[in-house]
Amino acid sequence: MDKKNLSGNLTEEKIGWLIDYRRAVILDLYVMYWDISVIREGLKEYAINKEVQKIDKYLLENLKEILKVNPDIQDDDTQPLEKWWWHLHKIAKGKYPKDKFPDYLKEHYKNR
């Protein structure tokens, strides 16, 4: 079983997922070999975590550039639309239904 970290929010395993997510989206943009969707899936139940939300917002703000430098990222149409991280190309093309975003992303993108 995972141990809770000091804040009680994320387990040690999930902290590893968070570090990988931050690295994949923000730090290693041009040398990225990570699969962003798989990493984000590992954090799916932690969307209330402020750091996860911050990285989610950064990902969507920079999505077109991220997809350009990492063409290996593919949408997975077998995943439900509520798991927006599996539909990054739809999002980039404006074909993703905004009502499927979590509230913190809806508000962030309401004027786009």
Protein backbone atom coordinates (compact mmCIF):
# COMPACT_ATOMS: atom_id res chain seq x y z
CA MET A 1 0.00 0.00 0.00
CA ASP A 2 1.08 3.55 -0.67
CA LYS A 3 2.01 5.74 2.24
CA LYS A 4 0.46 9.18 2.47
CA ASN A 5 2.77 12.16 2.04
CA LEU A 6 2.98 14.82 4.73
CA SER A 7 0.06 16.84 3.34
CA GLY A 8 -2.13 13.75 3.13
CA ASN A 9 -3.17 14.56 -0.44
CA LEU A 10 -1.10 12.24 -2.59
CA THR A 11 0.40 8.84 -1.95
CA GLU A 12 4.09 8.31 -2.63
CA GLU A 13 3.18 6.52 -5.86
CA LYS A 14 1.00 9.43 -6.97
CA ILE A 15 3.77 11.90 -6.16
CA GLY A 16 5.88 9.95 -8.66
CA TRP A 17 3.08 10.26 -11.23
CA LEU A 18 2.88 14.00 -10.48
CA ILE A 19 6.63 14.45 -10.98
CA ASP A 20 6.43 12.53 -14.27
CA TYR A 21 3.42 14.61 -15.38
CA ARG A 22 5.19 17.89 -14.62
CA ARG A 23 8.33 16.68 -16.41
CA ALA A 24 6.38 15.47 -19.45
CA VAL A 25 4.31 18.63 -19.85
CA ILE A 26 6.54 21.44 -18.64
CA LEU A 27 10.17 20.51 -18.23
CA ASP A 28 11.08 18.17 -21.08
CA LEU A 29 8.87 19.53 -23.84
CA TYR A 30 11.39 19.10 -26.64
CA VAL A 31 12.93 15.80 -25.54
CA MET A 32 9.74 14.25 -24.32
CA TYR A 33 9.32 10.53 -24.68
CA TRP A 34 6.61 10.32 -22.03
CA ASP A 35 3.07 9.31 -22.80
CA ILE A 36 1.16 12.22 -21.29
CA SER A 37 -2.23 10.49 -21.39
CA VAL A 38 -0.99 7.41 -19.51
CA ILE A 39 0.73 9.57 -16.90
CA ARG A 40 -2.35 11.76 -16.44
CA GLU A 41 -4.49 8.62 -16.11
CA GLY A 42 -2.41 7.74 -13.07
CA LEU A 43 -3.58 11.00 -11.48
CA LYS A 44 -7.24 10.84 -12.49
CA GLU A 45 -8.59 10.77 -8.95
CA TYR A 46 -6.41 13.73 -7.92
CA ALA A 47 -7.90 16.43 -10.13
CA ILE A 48 -8.67 18.43 -6.98
CA ASN A 49 -4.94 18.68 -6.26
CA LYS A 50 -3.84 22.24 -7.07
CA GLU A 51 -0.55 21.11 -8.64
CA VAL A 52 -2.36 18.67 -10.96
CA GLN A 53 -4.78 21.45 -11.93
CA LYS A 54 -1.88 23.83 -12.60
CA ILE A 55 -0.21 21.33 -14.93
CA ASP A 56 -3.54 20.51 -16.64
CA LYS A 57 -4.01 24.21 -17.40
CA TYR A 58 -0.45 24.53 -18.68
CA LEU A 59 -0.94 21.47 -20.88
CA LEU A 60 -4.06 22.90 -22.49
CA GLU A 61 -2.55 26.38 -22.89
CA ASN A 62 0.43 24.89 -24.74
CA LEU A 63 -1.29 21.92 -26.32
CA LYS A 64 -0.70 22.74 -29.98
CA GLU A 65 3.04 23.18 -29.41
CA ILE A 66 3.22 20.02 -27.30
CA LEU A 67 1.47 17.99 -30.02
CA LYS A 68 3.75 19.49 -32.64
CA VAL A 69 6.95 18.42 -30.87
CA ASN A 70 5.55 15.07 -29.74
CA PRO A 71 3.68 13.54 -32.68
CA ASP A 72 3.51 10.17 -30.91
CA ILE A 73 0.66 11.40 -28.71
CA GLN A 74 -2.57 9.92 -30.04
CA ASP A 75 -6.21 10.19 -29.04
CA ASP A 76 -7.87 7.06 -27.67
CA ASP A 77 -11.49 7.01 -28.75
CA THR A 78 -12.16 3.98 -26.54
CA GLN A 79 -11.82 6.28 -23.51
CA PRO A 80 -14.82 8.30 -22.30
CA LEU A 81 -14.85 12.02 -23.08
CA GLU A 82 -14.76 12.83 -19.36
CA LYS A 83 -11.15 11.65 -19.47
CA TRP A 84 -10.15 14.66 -21.54
CA TRP A 85 -6.42 13.74 -21.47
CA TRP A 86 -7.13 10.90 -23.90
CA HIS A 87 -8.58 13.39 -26.44
CA LEU A 88 -5.82 15.97 -26.82
CA HIS A 89 -6.06 16.20 -30.62
CA LYS A 90 -9.81 16.83 -30.42
CA ILE A 91 -9.12 19.57 -27.88
CA ALA A 92 -6.43 21.14 -30.06
CA LYS A 93 -8.78 21.12 -33.06
CA GLY A 94 -11.65 22.63 -31.05
CA LYS A 95 -13.75 19.47 -31.49
CA TYR A 96 -13.88 18.52 -27.83
CA PRO A 97 -17.16 19.37 -26.01
CA LYS A 98 -16.29 21.99 -23.39
CA ASP A 99 -19.00 20.68 -21.07
CA LYS A 100 -16.94 17.51 -20.60
CA PHE A 101 -14.04 19.44 -19.03
CA PRO A 102 -13.87 19.51 -15.24
CA ASP A 103 -15.09 22.78 -13.75
CA TYR A 104 -11.60 24.17 -13.09
CA LEU A 105 -10.79 23.86 -16.79
CA LYS A 106 -14.19 25.08 -17.99
CA GLU A 107 -13.72 28.31 -16.07
CA HIS A 108 -10.16 28.66 -17.30
CA TYR A 109 -11.25 28.32 -20.93
CA LYS A 110 -14.65 30.01 -20.86
CA ASN A 111 -13.36 32.98 -22.92
CA ARG A 112 -11.51 30.97 -25.55
